Amino acid sequence: MFEKTLCGRVFLFGKNVDTDQIYPGRFVELTDIDDVAKHAMEGADPEFAAACGKGDILVAGGNFGCGSSREHAADTLKAVGVGAVVAPSFGRIFYRNGINLGLPLLVCPDLHSRVTAGERISIDVKSGEIRDESGQLLSRIQPVTGYMMHILESGGIKPLLRGQFQ
């Protein structure tokens, strides 16, 4: 079930993180999701998968997920437990893959410069507010459309469609 308030530690990444950094192509033959999760962000930070906890929040610079259309990139982030990815912009195909898999990809132009790695933040997806541990408002995400929210609440596009056809 999709939580409308997300809380977790911040992992910071820069601009133009491509899908090969998120999930290196040399692992595409892996099919077990636990094996896939072990390689999350390996091209950008080989220690990420071991350090990431359930619900942690990846904050990146613009154009996150650029590159190939490989669905594995969104799969690996969801599998390792990332609660959300926040960036000023996303690669178009990565964005749709992530949302369709039920991974919250949230647009925020300035969060990257307002947080530090390891800091705990919370994101109220409904109100759009991002707050630090003390409750101070850090920034706001762009509103998530009703249809996108419906996909996220359903756990992804496949569960949404299964529910509609049952």
C-alpha atoms as a PDB file:
ATOM      1  CA  MET A   1       0.000   0.000   0.000  1.00  0.00           C
ATOM      2  CA  PHE A   2       1.267   3.458  -0.891  1.00  0.00           C
ATOM      3  CA  GLU A   3       2.027   5.709   2.051  1.00  0.00           C
ATOM      4  CA  LYS A   4       1.118   9.340   1.394  1.00  0.00           C
ATOM      5  CA  THR A   5       3.648  10.465   3.991  1.00  0.00           C
ATOM      6  CA  LEU A   6       7.121   9.187   3.203  1.00  0.00           C
ATOM      7  CA  CYS A   7       9.928   9.308   5.764  1.00  0.00           C
ATOM      8  CA  GLY A   8      13.534   8.293   5.376  1.00  0.00           C
ATOM      9  CA  ARG A   9      17.202   9.125   5.262  1.00  0.00           C
ATOM     10  CA  VAL A  10      18.503  11.175   2.366  1.00  0.00           C
ATOM     11  CA  PHE A  11      20.938   9.741  -0.167  1.00  0.00           C
ATOM     12  CA  LEU A  12      22.308  12.495  -2.408  1.00  0.00           C
ATOM     13  CA  PHE A  13      23.284  12.091  -6.055  1.00  0.00           C
ATOM     14  CA  GLY A  14      24.208  14.626  -8.723  1.00  0.00           C
ATOM     15  CA  LYS A  15      22.811  15.566 -12.116  1.00  0.00           C
ATOM     16  CA  ASN A  16      22.391  13.311 -15.142  1.00  0.00           C
ATOM     17  CA  VAL A  17      22.472   9.998 -13.293  1.00  0.00           C
ATOM     18  CA  ASP A  18      21.693   7.595 -16.111  1.00  0.00           C
ATOM     19  CA  THR A  19      19.998   4.225 -16.026  1.00  0.00           C
ATOM     20  CA  ASP A  20      23.336   2.430 -16.394  1.00  0.00           C
ATOM     21  CA  GLN A  21      24.505   4.053 -13.160  1.00  0.00           C
ATOM     22  CA  ILE A  22      21.224   3.167 -11.466  1.00  0.00           C
ATOM     23  CA  TYR A  23      21.400  -0.442 -12.657  1.00  0.00           C
ATOM     24  CA  PRO A  24      24.479  -1.401 -14.708  1.00  0.00           C
ATOM     25  CA  GLY A  25      23.707  -3.240 -17.933  1.00  0.00           C
ATOM     26  CA  ARG A  26      26.016  -6.120 -17.079  1.00  0.00           C
ATOM     27  CA  PHE A  27      23.365  -7.361 -14.601  1.00  0.00           C
ATOM     28  CA  VAL A  28      20.326  -7.358 -16.910  1.00  0.00           C
ATOM     29  CA  GLU A  29      20.292 -11.155 -17.090  1.00  0.00           C
ATOM     30  CA  LEU A  30      19.385 -11.357 -13.390  1.00  0.00           C
ATOM     31  CA  THR A  31      15.729 -12.205 -12.861  1.00  0.00           C
ATOM     32  CA  ASP A  32      15.385 -12.730  -9.107  1.00  0.00           C
ATOM     33  CA  ILE A  33      14.356  -9.399  -7.604  1.00  0.00           C
ATOM     34  CA  ASP A  34      16.563  -9.933  -4.535  1.00  0.00           C
ATOM     35  CA  ASP A  35      19.579 -10.298  -6.828  1.00  0.00           C
ATOM     36  CA  VAL A  36      18.519  -7.218  -8.793  1.00  0.00           C
ATOM     37  CA  ALA A  37      18.249  -5.164  -5.577  1.00  0.00           C
ATOM     38  CA  LYS A  38      21.873  -5.884  -4.668  1.00  0.00           C
ATOM     39  CA  HIS A  39      23.023  -3.759  -7.598  1.00  0.00           C
ATOM     40  CA  ALA A  40      20.928  -0.620  -7.046  1.00  0.00           C
ATOM     41  CA  MET A  41      22.896   2.553  -7.868  1.00  0.00           C
ATOM     42  CA  GLU A  42      26.040   0.443  -8.254  1.00  0.00           C
ATOM     43  CA  GLY A  43      27.326   2.560 -11.131  1.00  0.00           C
ATOM     44  CA  ALA A  44      27.158   5.730  -9.013  1.00  0.00           C
ATOM     45  CA  ASP A  45      27.790   4.389  -5.489  1.00  0.00           C
ATOM     46  CA  PRO A  46      28.753   0.722  -5.029  1.00  0.00           C
ATOM     47  CA  GLU A  47      27.850   0.924  -1.305  1.00  0.00           C
ATOM     48  CA  PHE A  48      24.311   2.235  -1.837  1.00  0.00           C
ATOM     49  CA  ALA A  49      22.412  -1.069  -1.901  1.00  0.00           C
ATOM     50  CA  ALA A  50      23.944  -2.215   1.381  1.00  0.00           C
ATOM     51  CA  ALA A  51      23.363   1.150   3.065  1.00  0.00           C
ATOM     52  CA  CYS A  52      19.831   1.897   1.823  1.00  0.00           C
ATOM     53  CA  GLY A  53      17.034   1.099   4.244  1.00  0.00           C
ATOM     54  CA  LYS A  54      13.342   0.619   3.560  1.00  0.00           C
ATOM     55  CA  GLY A  55      11.777   3.991   2.885  1.00  0.00           C
ATOM     56  CA  ASP A  56      15.001   5.934   2.408  1.00  0.00           C
ATOM     57  CA  ILE A  57      14.775   8.824  -0.026  1.00  0.00           C
ATOM     58  CA  LEU A  58      17.056   9.368  -2.987  1.00  0.00           C
ATOM     59  CA  VAL A  59      17.530  13.084  -3.764  1.00  0.00           C
ATOM     60  CA  ALA A  60      19.224  13.860  -7.061  1.00  0.00           C
ATOM     61  CA  GLY A  61      20.043  16.659  -9.453  1.00  0.00           C
ATOM     62  CA  GLY A  62      18.182  17.131 -12.707  1.00  0.00           C
ATOM     63  CA  ASN A  63      17.646  14.578 -15.454  1.00  0.00           C
ATOM     64  CA  PHE A  64      17.689  11.581 -13.106  1.00  0.00           C
ATOM     65  CA  GLY A  65      17.191   8.332 -15.008  1.00  0.00           C
ATOM     66  CA  CYS A  66      18.298   9.584 -18.399  1.00  0.00           C
ATOM     67  CA  GLY A  67      19.619   7.035 -20.859  1.00  0.00           C
ATOM     68  CA  SER A  68      18.169   3.716 -21.906  1.00  0.00           C
ATOM     69  CA  SER A  69      14.594   2.600 -21.440  1.00  0.00           C
ATOM     70  CA  ARG A  70      15.635  -0.294 -19.222  1.00  0.00           C
ATOM     71  CA  GLU A  71      12.856  -0.998 -16.692  1.00  0.00           C
ATOM     72  CA  HIS A  72      15.446  -2.634 -14.428  1.00  0.00           C
ATOM     73  CA  ALA A  73      16.554   0.831 -13.247  1.00  0.00           C
ATOM     74  CA  ALA A  74      13.214   1.549 -11.571  1.00  0.00           C
ATOM     75  CA  ASP A  75      12.836  -2.101 -10.488  1.00  0.00           C
ATOM     76  CA  THR A  76      16.126  -2.086  -8.598  1.00  0.00           C
ATOM     77  CA  LEU A  77      15.295   1.099  -6.671  1.00  0.00           C
ATOM     78  CA  LYS A  78      11.931  -0.253  -5.627  1.00  0.00           C
ATOM     79  CA  ALA A  79      13.427  -3.641  -4.753  1.00  0.00           C
ATOM     80  CA  VAL A  80      16.137  -2.164  -2.533  1.00  0.00           C
ATOM     81  CA  GLY A  81      13.458  -0.272  -0.599  1.00  0.00           C
ATOM     82  CA  VAL A  82      13.762   3.310  -1.846  1.00  0.00           C
ATOM     83  CA  GLY A  83      10.661   5.161  -0.626  1.00  0.00           C
ATOM     84  CA  ALA A  84      10.867   7.913  -3.238  1.00  0.00           C
ATOM     85  CA  VAL A  85      13.192   9.672  -5.642  1.00  0.00           C
ATOM     86  CA  VAL A  86      13.095  13.474  -5.599  1.00  0.00           C
ATOM     87  CA  ALA A  87      14.728  15.465  -8.399  1.00  0.00           C
ATOM     88  CA  PRO A  88      14.147  18.628 -10.445  1.00  0.00           C
ATOM     89  CA  SER A  89      13.528  16.490 -13.552  1.00  0.00           C
ATOM     90  CA  PHE A  90      13.613  12.889 -14.732  1.00  0.00           C
ATOM     91  CA  GLY A  91      14.388  11.061 -17.930  1.00  0.00           C
ATOM     92  CA  ARG A  92      10.980  10.689 -19.605  1.00  0.00           C
ATOM     93  CA  ILE A  93      10.960   6.902 -20.002  1.00  0.00           C
ATOM     94  CA  PHE A  94      12.449   6.305 -16.551  1.00  0.00           C
ATOM     95  CA  TYR A  95       9.743   8.517 -15.059  1.00  0.00           C
ATOM     96  CA  ARG A  96       6.927   6.501 -16.609  1.00  0.00           C
ATOM     97  CA  ASN A  97       8.623   3.205 -15.738  1.00  0.00           C
ATOM     98  CA  GLY A  98       9.000   4.276 -12.107  1.00  0.00           C
ATOM     99  CA  ILE A  99       5.427   5.474 -11.701  1.00  0.00           C
ATOM    100  CA  ASN A 100       4.094   2.395 -13.513  1.00  0.00           C
ATOM    101  CA  LEU A 101       6.018   0.194 -11.071  1.00  0.00           C
ATOM    102  CA  GLY A 102       4.636   2.120  -8.085  1.00  0.00           C
ATOM    103  CA  LEU A 103       7.855   3.992  -7.263  1.00  0.00           C
ATOM    104  CA  PRO A 104       7.151   7.606  -6.258  1.00  0.00           C
ATOM    105  CA  LEU A 105       9.186   9.931  -8.476  1.00  0.00           C
ATOM    106  CA  LEU A 106       8.627  13.447  -7.194  1.00  0.00           C
ATOM    107  CA  VAL A 107       9.595  16.671  -8.922  1.00  0.00           C
ATOM    108  CA  CYS A 108      11.143  19.370  -6.749  1.00  0.00           C
ATOM    109  CA  PRO A 109      13.450  22.024  -8.219  1.00  0.00           C
ATOM    110  CA  ASP A 110      15.476  22.928  -5.124  1.00  0.00           C
ATOM    111  CA  LEU A 111      15.564  20.133  -2.529  1.00  0.00           C
ATOM    112  CA  HIS A 112      19.049  18.967  -3.487  1.00  0.00           C
ATOM    113  CA  SER A 113      20.617  22.196  -2.175  1.00  0.00           C
ATOM    114  CA  ARG A 114      18.569  22.156   1.037  1.00  0.00           C
ATOM    115  CA  VAL A 115      19.410  18.718   2.453  1.00  0.00           C
ATOM    116  CA  THR A 116      22.491  16.778   3.468  1.00  0.00           C
ATOM    117  CA  ALA A 117      23.247  13.098   3.047  1.00  0.00           C
ATOM    118  CA  GLY A 118      21.989  11.064   5.996  1.00  0.00           C
ATOM    119  CA  GLU A 119      19.472  13.684   7.114  1.00  0.00           C
ATOM    120  CA  ARG A 120      15.965  12.361   7.809  1.00  0.00           C
ATOM    121  CA  ILE A 121      13.132  14.053   5.952  1.00  0.00           C
ATOM    122  CA  SER A 122       9.422  13.517   5.475  1.00  0.00           C
ATOM    123  CA  ILE A 123       7.370  14.146   2.364  1.00  0.00           C
ATOM    124  CA  ASP A 124       3.620  14.602   2.513  1.00  0.00           C
ATOM    125  CA  VAL A 125       2.700  13.671  -1.031  1.00  0.00           C
ATOM    126  CA  LYS A 126      -0.836  15.015  -0.675  1.00  0.00           C
ATOM    127  CA  SER A 127       0.115  18.493   0.611  1.00  0.00           C
ATOM    128  CA  GLY A 128       3.427  18.518  -1.295  1.00  0.00           C
ATOM    129  CA  GLU A 129       5.424  19.555   1.768  1.00  0.00           C
ATOM    130  CA  ILE A 130       8.922  18.308   2.484  1.00  0.00           C
ATOM    131  CA  ARG A 131      10.051  18.759   6.091  1.00  0.00           C
ATOM    132  CA  ASP A 132      13.166  18.052   8.134  1.00  0.00           C
ATOM    133  CA  GLU A 133      13.135  16.104  11.432  1.00  0.00           C
ATOM    134  CA  SER A 134      12.278  19.216  13.437  1.00  0.00           C
ATOM    135  CA  GLY A 135       9.248  19.857  11.237  1.00  0.00           C
ATOM    136  CA  GLN A 136      10.736  22.818   9.385  1.00  0.00           C
ATOM    137  CA  LEU A 137       9.469  23.216   5.831  1.00  0.00           C
ATOM    138  CA  LEU A 138      12.332  22.593   3.407  1.00  0.00           C
ATOM    139  CA  SER A 139      10.545  22.737   0.071  1.00  0.00           C
ATOM    140  CA  ARG A 140       7.515  21.575  -1.893  1.00  0.00           C
ATOM    141  CA  ILE A 141       7.106  18.976  -4.602  1.00  0.00           C
ATOM    142  CA  GLN A 142       5.130  19.642  -7.740  1.00  0.00           C
ATOM    143  CA  PRO A 143       1.607  18.248  -7.332  1.00  0.00           C
ATOM    144  CA  VAL A 144       1.129  14.618  -8.299  1.00  0.00           C
ATOM    145  CA  THR A 145      -1.767  14.283 -10.752  1.00  0.00           C
ATOM    146  CA  GLY A 146      -4.837  12.330  -9.740  1.00  0.00           C
ATOM    147  CA  TYR A 147      -4.167   9.535 -12.210  1.00  0.00           C
ATOM    148  CA  MET A 148      -0.519   9.213 -11.159  1.00  0.00           C
ATOM    149  CA  MET A 149      -1.611   9.113  -7.516  1.00  0.00           C
ATOM    150  CA  HIS A 150      -4.120   6.384  -8.402  1.00  0.00           C
ATOM    151  CA  ILE A 151      -1.330   4.322  -9.995  1.00  0.00           C
ATOM    152  CA  LEU A 152       0.912   4.791  -6.927  1.00  0.00           C
ATOM    153  CA  GLU A 153      -1.921   3.968  -4.505  1.00  0.00           C
ATOM    154  CA  SER A 154      -2.588   0.770  -6.462  1.00  0.00           C
ATOM    155  CA  GLY A 155       1.043  -0.321  -6.202  1.00  0.00           C
ATOM    156  CA  GLY A 156       1.699   0.240  -9.895  1.00  0.00           C
ATOM    157  CA  ILE A 157      -0.068   0.047 -13.236  1.00  0.00           C
ATOM    158  CA  LYS A 158      -0.351  -3.771 -13.309  1.00  0.00           C
ATOM    159  CA  PRO A 159      -2.128  -4.045  -9.933  1.00  0.00           C
ATOM    160  CA  LEU A 160      -4.344  -1.110 -10.956  1.00  0.00           C
ATOM    161  CA  LEU A 161      -5.392  -2.828 -14.186  1.00  0.00           C
ATOM    162  CA  ARG A 162      -5.830  -6.212 -12.462  1.00  0.00           C
ATOM    163  CA  GLY A 163      -8.184  -4.522 -10.008  1.00  0.00           C
ATOM    164  CA  GLN A 164     -10.173  -2.904 -12.799  1.00  0.00           C
ATOM    165  CA  PHE A 165     -10.628  -6.177 -14.650  1.00  0.00           C
ATOM    166  CA  GLN A 166     -11.667  -8.262 -11.634  1.00  0.00           C
END
